[in-house]
Amino acid sequence: MEDSNETTFSPNTIQAVIKHGWKDTRTKANAQALQLSAEFFRLFTIEAIHRASEEAERSTGSSEHDIQVEHLEKILTQLMLDF
């Protein structure tokens, strides 16, 4: 069951983004594929935030931390391999 307060990506936004990679402009994605892609991007984003947060905590040695670009850069390679 989906929580109505849960933040997600709009399937229309996902379609607009992935459409840039399609060579044939007639290519279409059905609603179910767009919904699944939106869920994938939501989970990917959450995982990136969690890993970057852990990296920020390790690098500062404190539980009070802000995620910076360098934290995302450090986790990006492994994140991409995992997904």
C-alpha atoms as a PDB file:
ATOM      1  CA  MET A   1       0.000   0.000   0.000  1.00  0.00           C
ATOM      2  CA  GLU A   2       1.390   3.394  -0.976  1.00  0.00           C
ATOM      3  CA  ASP A   3       1.643   6.239   1.529  1.00  0.00           C
ATOM      4  CA  SER A   4      -0.036   9.334   0.039  1.00  0.00           C
ATOM      5  CA  ASN A   5       2.559  11.571   1.763  1.00  0.00           C
ATOM      6  CA  GLU A   6       5.466   9.736   0.128  1.00  0.00           C
ATOM      7  CA  THR A   7       7.519  11.846  -2.249  1.00  0.00           C
ATOM      8  CA  THR A   8       8.028  10.379  -5.690  1.00  0.00           C
ATOM      9  CA  PHE A   9       8.841  11.341  -9.251  1.00  0.00           C
ATOM     10  CA  SER A  10       6.068  12.136 -11.684  1.00  0.00           C
ATOM     11  CA  PRO A  11       5.771   9.581 -14.486  1.00  0.00           C
ATOM     12  CA  ASN A  12       5.517  12.530 -16.908  1.00  0.00           C
ATOM     13  CA  THR A  13       8.846  13.847 -15.657  1.00  0.00           C
ATOM     14  CA  ILE A  14      10.414  10.411 -16.032  1.00  0.00           C
ATOM     15  CA  GLN A  15       9.084  10.148 -19.584  1.00  0.00           C
ATOM     16  CA  ALA A  16      10.494  13.567 -20.469  1.00  0.00           C
ATOM     17  CA  VAL A  17      13.920  12.619 -19.086  1.00  0.00           C
ATOM     18  CA  ILE A  18      14.239   9.208 -20.725  1.00  0.00           C
ATOM     19  CA  LYS A  19      12.787  10.471 -23.998  1.00  0.00           C
ATOM     20  CA  HIS A  20      16.058  12.350 -24.568  1.00  0.00           C
ATOM     21  CA  GLY A  21      17.829   9.009 -24.934  1.00  0.00           C
ATOM     22  CA  TRP A  22      15.449   7.608 -27.531  1.00  0.00           C
ATOM     23  CA  LYS A  23      16.677   7.824 -31.122  1.00  0.00           C
ATOM     24  CA  ASP A  24      13.250   7.238 -32.660  1.00  0.00           C
ATOM     25  CA  THR A  25      10.864  10.035 -31.644  1.00  0.00           C
ATOM     26  CA  ARG A  26       7.918   7.663 -32.125  1.00  0.00           C
ATOM     27  CA  THR A  27       9.107   5.477 -29.236  1.00  0.00           C
ATOM     28  CA  LYS A  28       6.587   5.379 -26.391  1.00  0.00           C
ATOM     29  CA  ALA A  29       6.542   3.985 -22.852  1.00  0.00           C
ATOM     30  CA  ASN A  30       3.339   2.654 -21.353  1.00  0.00           C
ATOM     31  CA  ALA A  31       1.983   3.947 -18.046  1.00  0.00           C
ATOM     32  CA  GLN A  32       3.089   0.865 -16.113  1.00  0.00           C
ATOM     33  CA  ALA A  33       6.692   1.172 -17.343  1.00  0.00           C
ATOM     34  CA  LEU A  34       6.754   4.858 -16.414  1.00  0.00           C
ATOM     35  CA  GLN A  35       5.349   4.120 -12.940  1.00  0.00           C
ATOM     36  CA  LEU A  36       7.963   1.410 -12.396  1.00  0.00           C
ATOM     37  CA  SER A  37      10.732   3.744 -13.586  1.00  0.00           C
ATOM     38  CA  ALA A  38       9.516   6.458 -11.205  1.00  0.00           C
ATOM     39  CA  GLU A  39       9.680   3.969  -8.326  1.00  0.00           C
ATOM     40  CA  PHE A  40      13.190   2.908  -9.353  1.00  0.00           C
ATOM     41  CA  PHE A  41      14.400   6.524  -9.388  1.00  0.00           C
ATOM     42  CA  ARG A  42      12.762   7.139  -6.000  1.00  0.00           C
ATOM     43  CA  LEU A  43      14.571   4.164  -4.454  1.00  0.00           C
ATOM     44  CA  PHE A  44      17.841   5.123  -6.157  1.00  0.00           C
ATOM     45  CA  THR A  45      17.599   8.663  -4.750  1.00  0.00           C
ATOM     46  CA  ILE A  46      16.818   7.434  -1.235  1.00  0.00           C
ATOM     47  CA  GLU A  47      19.783   5.044  -1.337  1.00  0.00           C
ATOM     48  CA  ALA A  48      22.085   7.829  -2.587  1.00  0.00           C
ATOM     49  CA  ILE A  49      20.987  10.093   0.264  1.00  0.00           C
ATOM     50  CA  HIS A  50      21.514   7.364   2.881  1.00  0.00           C
ATOM     51  CA  ARG A  51      24.974   6.484   1.601  1.00  0.00           C
ATOM     52  CA  ALA A  52      26.038  10.124   1.284  1.00  0.00           C
ATOM     53  CA  SER A  53      24.766  10.767   4.818  1.00  0.00           C
ATOM     54  CA  GLU A  54      26.832   7.872   6.151  1.00  0.00           C
ATOM     55  CA  GLU A  55      29.873   9.165   4.260  1.00  0.00           C
ATOM     56  CA  ALA A  56      29.359  12.650   5.718  1.00  0.00           C
ATOM     57  CA  GLU A  57      29.156  11.157   9.211  1.00  0.00           C
ATOM     58  CA  ARG A  58      32.368   9.150   8.669  1.00  0.00           C
ATOM     59  CA  SER A  59      34.272  12.126   7.301  1.00  0.00           C
ATOM     60  CA  THR A  60      33.201  14.560  10.036  1.00  0.00           C
ATOM     61  CA  GLY A  61      33.088  12.088  12.917  1.00  0.00           C
ATOM     62  CA  SER A  62      29.853  13.646  14.089  1.00  0.00           C
ATOM     63  CA  SER A  63      26.204  12.684  13.812  1.00  0.00           C
ATOM     64  CA  GLU A  64      25.450  16.344  13.025  1.00  0.00           C
ATOM     65  CA  HIS A  65      26.391  16.736   9.373  1.00  0.00           C
ATOM     66  CA  ASP A  66      25.365  18.205   6.046  1.00  0.00           C
ATOM     67  CA  ILE A  67      25.693  16.228   2.849  1.00  0.00           C
ATOM     68  CA  GLN A  68      28.101  17.939   0.467  1.00  0.00           C
ATOM     69  CA  VAL A  69      28.930  17.249  -3.177  1.00  0.00           C
ATOM     70  CA  GLU A  70      32.143  15.479  -2.180  1.00  0.00           C
ATOM     71  CA  HIS A  71      30.126  12.958  -0.136  1.00  0.00           C
ATOM     72  CA  LEU A  72      28.007  12.134  -3.171  1.00  0.00           C
ATOM     73  CA  GLU A  73      31.116  11.867  -5.343  1.00  0.00           C
ATOM     74  CA  LYS A  74      32.658   9.352  -2.933  1.00  0.00           C
ATOM     75  CA  ILE A  75      29.647   7.025  -2.944  1.00  0.00           C
ATOM     76  CA  LEU A  76      28.653   7.382  -6.595  1.00  0.00           C
ATOM     77  CA  THR A  77      30.894   4.700  -8.119  1.00  0.00           C
ATOM     78  CA  GLN A  78      29.752   1.929  -5.783  1.00  0.00           C
ATOM     79  CA  LEU A  79      26.143   3.093  -5.952  1.00  0.00           C
ATOM     80  CA  MET A  80      26.150   2.830  -9.741  1.00  0.00           C
ATOM     81  CA  LEU A  81      27.720  -0.634  -9.575  1.00  0.00           C
ATOM     82  CA  ASP A  82      25.108  -1.776  -7.047  1.00  0.00           C
ATOM     83  CA  PHE A  83      22.195  -0.544  -9.152  1.00  0.00           C
END
